[in-house]
Amino acid sequence: PFKKDDKPFKKWKDDKVASPATTQKTTVLKSEDIRLNKYISNSGVCSRRDADLYIESGNVTVNGVVVTEMGYKVKKSDKVVFDGVLLNPEKKVYVLLNKPKGFSTSDDENVSSAYDLVRNASTSFLKPVGRMDKTTVGLLLYTNDNDLIQKFTNTAQHSSKLYHVSLSKNLKFEDLEKIQTGVYINEHKVWVEEVSYVEGQPKSEVGIKLKTSNVKVVRAVFEKLGYDVIKLDRVMFAGLTKWGVTRGQWRFLTDQEVINLKNLK
């Protein structure tokens, strides 16, 4: 069974501790000029060191002219082509939010926007990876990396998401087995990787792991069997957990976490 005292269903002591990550800011350029290798690195295609090698070998052009000079500076408005590909110089930002209740990713003017919670993380406009309604809490990733957004909102994406579900009444064991076998929603079978009672908690507290990033599907699974979902908390998203991020706070992903996300199939 899922254990409340083990990851990811541990009792988060850090929920009462402010996360220092929320004070971080991305670097804002003071000058419009930027070194060519940094421009290339910011686009996400390679490191600055590797960029120097490409520049030296003549594989980079600026406004149609090959540049091999180390330390060459360009403007954001310049057209830089790297190995035949036109680059976007905007630095990629990845922010993991532990979304509280009452905030949504929708454009409804009557609901507080979850984006307001991460607005100060970057000078770039960040978009959520997937959608989350105002009643669902937990992990929500924001980024300006459109390729990553498309990857994780694609129905063919197979990364695991783990949810802690609080129900209006105890989940019957026979219904738990039905969920594990697979429940049909709108004639489509919802495949569940794992479902179990949360150890040490009432039978109304359930952990469920599945591939879909659509939280509506998670709710629908239990509602199909006659249960009302009182609380839905996404505690793991594609290998990322809430560890070190209090409710309502955020942190930047590490370089390794970004690499892991991009390598997921």
Protein backbone atom coordinates (compact mmCIF):
# COMPACT_ATOMS: atom_id res chain seq x y z
CA PRO A 1 0.00 0.00 0.00
CA PHE A 2 0.96 3.62 -0.36
CA LYS A 3 2.60 4.83 2.85
CA LYS A 4 1.94 8.26 4.24
CA ASP A 5 5.41 8.36 5.77
CA ASP A 6 7.26 7.34 2.60
CA LYS A 7 7.79 9.26 -0.62
CA PRO A 8 5.66 10.45 -2.25
CA PHE A 9 2.96 9.81 0.41
CA LYS A 10 5.01 11.06 3.36
CA LYS A 11 3.73 13.61 5.82
CA TRP A 12 5.27 16.69 4.34
CA LYS A 13 6.95 18.48 7.24
CA ASP A 14 8.16 21.09 4.80
CA ASP A 15 4.56 22.23 4.19
CA LYS A 16 5.08 24.59 7.13
CA VAL A 17 8.47 25.84 6.03
CA ALA A 18 8.88 28.56 3.45
CA SER A 19 10.83 27.39 0.42
CA PRO A 20 13.96 29.47 -0.30
CA ALA A 21 13.51 28.60 -3.96
CA THR A 22 10.72 31.16 -4.27
CA THR A 23 13.22 33.97 -3.87
CA GLN A 24 15.14 32.95 -6.96
CA LYS A 25 15.02 35.08 -10.08
CA THR A 26 16.21 34.41 -13.57
CA THR A 27 19.03 36.61 -14.82
CA VAL A 28 17.90 39.70 -16.72
CA LEU A 29 20.34 41.06 -19.29
CA LYS A 30 21.40 44.63 -18.57
CA SER A 31 22.60 45.13 -22.11
CA GLU A 32 21.00 44.22 -25.39
CA ASP A 33 24.30 42.73 -26.56
CA ILE A 34 25.02 39.13 -25.63
CA ARG A 35 27.91 36.80 -26.38
CA LEU A 36 27.14 34.51 -29.28
CA ASN A 37 27.93 31.34 -27.32
CA LYS A 38 25.53 32.41 -24.54
CA TYR A 39 22.86 33.25 -27.13
CA ILE A 40 23.21 29.71 -28.49
CA SER A 41 23.22 28.19 -24.99
CA ASN A 42 20.09 30.13 -24.02
CA SER A 43 18.30 28.64 -27.00
CA GLY A 44 18.78 25.22 -25.40
CA VAL A 45 20.63 23.44 -28.22
CA CYS A 46 23.94 22.95 -26.39
CA SER A 47 26.28 24.28 -23.70
CA ARG A 48 28.44 27.40 -24.15
CA ARG A 49 31.54 25.26 -24.45
CA ASP A 50 30.02 23.19 -27.25
CA ALA A 51 28.73 26.38 -28.86
CA ASP A 52 32.31 27.65 -29.08
CA LEU A 53 33.27 24.52 -31.01
CA TYR A 54 30.42 25.03 -33.50
CA ILE A 55 31.32 28.71 -33.90
CA GLU A 56 35.00 27.88 -34.46
CA SER A 57 34.12 25.27 -37.07
CA GLY A 58 32.04 27.77 -39.08
CA ASN A 59 28.61 26.22 -38.39
CA VAL A 60 27.03 29.44 -37.06
CA THR A 61 25.85 32.44 -39.07
CA VAL A 62 24.63 35.82 -37.85
CA ASN A 63 22.31 37.65 -40.24
CA GLY A 64 23.52 35.36 -43.01
CA VAL A 65 27.26 35.82 -42.35
CA VAL A 66 29.46 33.05 -40.95
CA VAL A 67 30.99 34.05 -37.61
CA THR A 68 34.04 32.23 -36.22
CA GLU A 69 35.23 34.91 -33.78
CA MET A 70 35.30 33.84 -30.12
CA GLY A 71 33.52 36.36 -27.89
CA TYR A 72 31.50 37.82 -30.77
CA LYS A 73 28.45 39.69 -29.49
CA VAL A 74 25.00 39.78 -31.04
CA LYS A 75 21.70 41.52 -30.34
CA LYS A 76 18.47 39.73 -29.51
CA SER A 77 17.08 41.04 -32.80
CA ASP A 78 19.85 39.33 -34.83
CA LYS A 79 19.05 36.17 -36.77
CA VAL A 80 21.37 33.42 -35.59
CA VAL A 81 21.42 30.12 -37.47
CA PHE A 82 23.05 27.19 -35.70
CA ASP A 83 23.92 24.20 -37.85
CA GLY A 84 21.14 25.14 -40.27
CA VAL A 85 18.48 25.90 -37.63
CA LEU A 86 17.21 29.41 -36.79
CA LEU A 87 17.50 29.85 -33.00
CA ASN A 88 15.21 31.38 -30.41
CA PRO A 89 17.45 33.22 -27.90
CA GLU A 90 14.96 33.18 -25.04
CA LYS A 91 16.37 31.31 -22.07
CA LYS A 92 14.25 28.29 -21.20
CA VAL A 93 12.74 28.40 -17.72
CA TYR A 94 11.18 25.50 -15.82
CA VAL A 95 9.20 26.23 -12.65
CA LEU A 96 7.53 23.62 -10.45
CA LEU A 97 4.56 24.97 -8.49
CA ASN A 98 2.80 23.28 -5.57
CA LYS A 99 -0.59 24.75 -6.45
CA PRO A 100 -3.01 25.53 -3.62
CA LYS A 101 -6.78 25.35 -3.80
CA GLY A 102 -8.64 28.28 -5.38
CA PHE A 103 -6.26 28.87 -8.30
CA SER A 104 -6.81 27.64 -11.85
CA THR A 105 -5.06 27.50 -15.21
CA SER A 106 -8.26 28.63 -16.96
CA ASP A 107 -8.92 32.13 -18.31
CA ASP A 108 -11.98 32.56 -16.11
CA GLU A 109 -11.88 36.12 -14.72
CA ASN A 110 -13.81 34.98 -11.64
CA VAL A 111 -11.08 32.53 -10.59
CA SER A 112 -7.59 33.44 -9.40
CA SER A 113 -4.93 32.51 -11.96
CA ALA A 114 -2.26 30.02 -10.93
CA TYR A 115 0.12 31.97 -13.16
CA ASP A 116 0.06 34.83 -10.65
CA LEU A 117 1.88 32.53 -8.21
CA VAL A 118 4.86 32.09 -10.57
CA ARG A 119 4.75 35.41 -12.41
CA ASN A 120 7.89 36.70 -10.65
CA ALA A 121 9.92 33.61 -11.55
CA SER A 122 10.84 34.91 -14.99
CA THR A 123 10.64 37.91 -17.29
CA SER A 124 9.37 35.47 -19.94
CA PHE A 125 5.72 34.47 -20.13
CA LEU A 126 5.37 30.94 -18.72
CA LYS A 127 2.62 28.51 -19.65
CA PRO A 128 1.33 25.53 -17.66
CA VAL A 129 2.03 21.97 -18.76
CA GLY A 130 -1.55 20.75 -18.89
CA ARG A 131 -4.57 22.15 -17.08
CA MET A 132 -5.62 22.15 -13.44
CA ASP A 133 -8.93 23.37 -12.00
CA LYS A 134 -9.32 25.46 -8.85
CA THR A 135 -10.25 22.50 -6.63
CA THR A 136 -7.24 20.34 -7.54
CA VAL A 137 -3.98 20.95 -5.69
CA GLY A 138 -0.40 19.79 -6.11
CA LEU A 139 2.28 19.78 -8.75
CA LEU A 140 1.93 21.99 -11.79
CA LEU A 141 4.85 22.70 -14.14
CA TYR A 142 5.24 26.09 -15.84
CA THR A 143 7.68 26.78 -18.68
CA ASN A 144 8.35 28.75 -21.86
CA ASP A 145 9.63 25.58 -23.55
CA ASN A 146 6.89 24.94 -26.10
CA ASP A 147 8.43 21.64 -27.19
CA LEU A 148 8.20 20.30 -23.64
CA ILE A 149 4.62 21.52 -23.27
CA GLN A 150 3.61 19.75 -26.47
CA LYS A 151 5.41 16.60 -25.36
CA PHE A 152 3.63 16.30 -22.02
CA THR A 153 0.19 17.30 -23.27
CA ASN A 154 0.33 14.72 -26.06
CA THR A 155 -1.98 11.77 -25.41
CA ALA A 156 0.82 9.41 -26.46
CA GLN A 157 3.06 10.59 -23.60
CA HIS A 158 3.58 7.82 -21.03
CA SER A 159 5.07 9.41 -17.91
CA SER A 160 3.48 8.49 -14.57
CA LYS A 161 1.46 10.84 -12.38
CA LEU A 162 0.56 10.04 -8.78
CA TYR A 163 -2.49 11.43 -7.02
CA HIS A 164 -3.64 11.40 -3.40
CA VAL A 165 -7.43 11.22 -3.50
CA SER A 166 -9.72 11.95 -0.55
CA LEU A 167 -13.21 10.49 -1.02
CA SER A 168 -16.58 11.25 0.57
CA LYS A 169 -16.74 7.70 1.94
CA ASN A 170 -14.57 4.62 2.31
CA LEU A 171 -13.58 2.95 -0.96
CA LYS A 172 -14.87 -0.62 -1.04
CA PHE A 173 -12.23 -3.23 -1.74
CA GLU A 174 -14.21 -4.61 -4.68
CA ASP A 175 -14.28 -1.10 -6.21
CA LEU A 176 -10.55 -0.74 -5.64
CA GLU A 177 -10.09 -3.95 -7.62
CA LYS A 178 -12.35 -2.62 -10.39
CA ILE A 179 -10.20 0.51 -10.67
CA GLN A 180 -7.04 -1.60 -10.84
CA THR A 181 -8.58 -3.69 -13.62
CA GLY A 182 -9.64 -0.60 -15.53
CA VAL A 183 -12.77 1.59 -15.53
CA TYR A 184 -14.45 2.70 -18.75
CA ILE A 185 -15.05 6.45 -19.13
CA ASN A 186 -16.99 7.49 -22.24
CA GLU A 187 -16.32 4.04 -23.75
CA HIS A 188 -12.56 4.43 -23.21
CA LYS A 189 -10.75 2.22 -20.71
CA VAL A 190 -8.66 4.08 -18.16
CA TRP A 191 -5.49 2.10 -17.50
CA VAL A 192 -4.28 2.40 -13.92
CA GLU A 193 -0.72 1.47 -12.99
CA GLU A 194 -1.41 1.16 -9.28
CA VAL A 195 -4.14 1.98 -6.78
CA SER A 196 -4.12 1.41 -3.03
CA TYR A 197 -5.32 2.69 0.30
CA VAL A 198 -2.94 5.16 1.94
CA GLU A 199 -1.35 3.31 4.84
CA GLY A 200 -2.37 4.49 8.29
CA GLN A 201 -5.30 6.50 6.91
CA PRO A 202 -9.05 5.82 6.57
CA LYS A 203 -10.15 3.77 3.57
CA SER A 204 -11.39 7.04 2.06
CA GLU A 205 -7.75 8.06 1.45
CA VAL A 206 -6.48 6.50 -1.78
CA GLY A 207 -3.33 6.71 -3.87
CA ILE A 208 -3.64 6.19 -7.61
CA LYS A 209 -0.91 6.18 -10.25
CA LEU A 210 -1.68 6.46 -13.94
CA LYS A 211 -0.36 7.95 -17.17
CA THR A 212 -2.92 10.63 -17.93
CA SER A 213 -2.20 14.24 -17.02
CA ASN A 214 -5.91 15.10 -17.25
CA VAL A 215 -7.12 15.46 -13.66
CA LYS A 216 -10.73 15.24 -14.84
CA VAL A 217 -10.11 11.61 -15.74
CA VAL A 218 -8.92 10.87 -12.20
CA ARG A 219 -12.10 12.34 -10.74
CA ALA A 220 -14.24 10.52 -13.30
CA VAL A 221 -12.79 7.13 -12.32
CA PHE A 222 -14.11 7.43 -8.77
CA GLU A 223 -17.33 9.22 -9.70
CA LYS A 224 -18.14 6.41 -12.13
CA LEU A 225 -18.26 4.06 -9.11
CA GLY A 226 -20.39 6.40 -6.98
CA TYR A 227 -17.77 8.29 -4.97
CA ASP A 228 -17.43 12.05 -4.60
CA VAL A 229 -13.86 13.36 -4.69
CA ILE A 230 -13.37 15.75 -1.76
CA LYS A 231 -9.72 16.49 -2.45
CA LEU A 232 -7.35 15.70 -5.30
CA ASP A 233 -3.64 16.27 -4.79
CA ARG A 234 -1.05 15.55 -7.50
CA VAL A 235 1.99 14.49 -5.50
CA MET A 236 4.18 13.28 -8.37
CA PHE A 237 4.48 14.41 -11.98
CA ALA A 238 6.86 12.64 -14.38
CA GLY A 239 9.30 11.81 -11.58
CA LEU A 240 9.05 15.24 -9.90
CA THR A 241 7.76 15.37 -6.31
CA LYS A 242 6.64 18.05 -3.83
CA TRP A 243 9.73 17.58 -1.70
CA GLY A 244 11.01 20.99 -0.59
CA VAL A 245 8.11 22.94 -2.12
CA THR A 246 5.43 24.13 0.29
CA ARG A 247 1.84 24.66 -0.82
CA GLY A 248 1.57 27.86 -2.82
CA GLN A 249 5.34 28.06 -3.43
CA TRP A 250 7.55 27.12 -6.38
CA ARG A 251 11.12 26.26 -7.33
CA PHE A 252 13.21 26.07 -10.49
CA LEU A 253 13.95 22.61 -11.86
CA THR A 254 17.57 21.50 -11.71
CA ASP A 255 19.49 20.92 -14.94
CA GLN A 256 19.33 17.16 -14.31
CA GLU A 257 15.55 17.26 -13.82
CA VAL A 258 15.15 19.08 -17.13
CA ILE A 259 17.33 16.45 -18.84
CA ASN A 260 15.23 13.69 -17.26
CA LEU A 261 11.99 15.24 -18.52
CA LYS A 262 13.33 15.62 -22.04
CA ASN A 263 14.51 11.99 -22.06
CA LEU A 264 11.17 10.56 -20.94
CA LYS A 265 9.31 8.71 -23.65
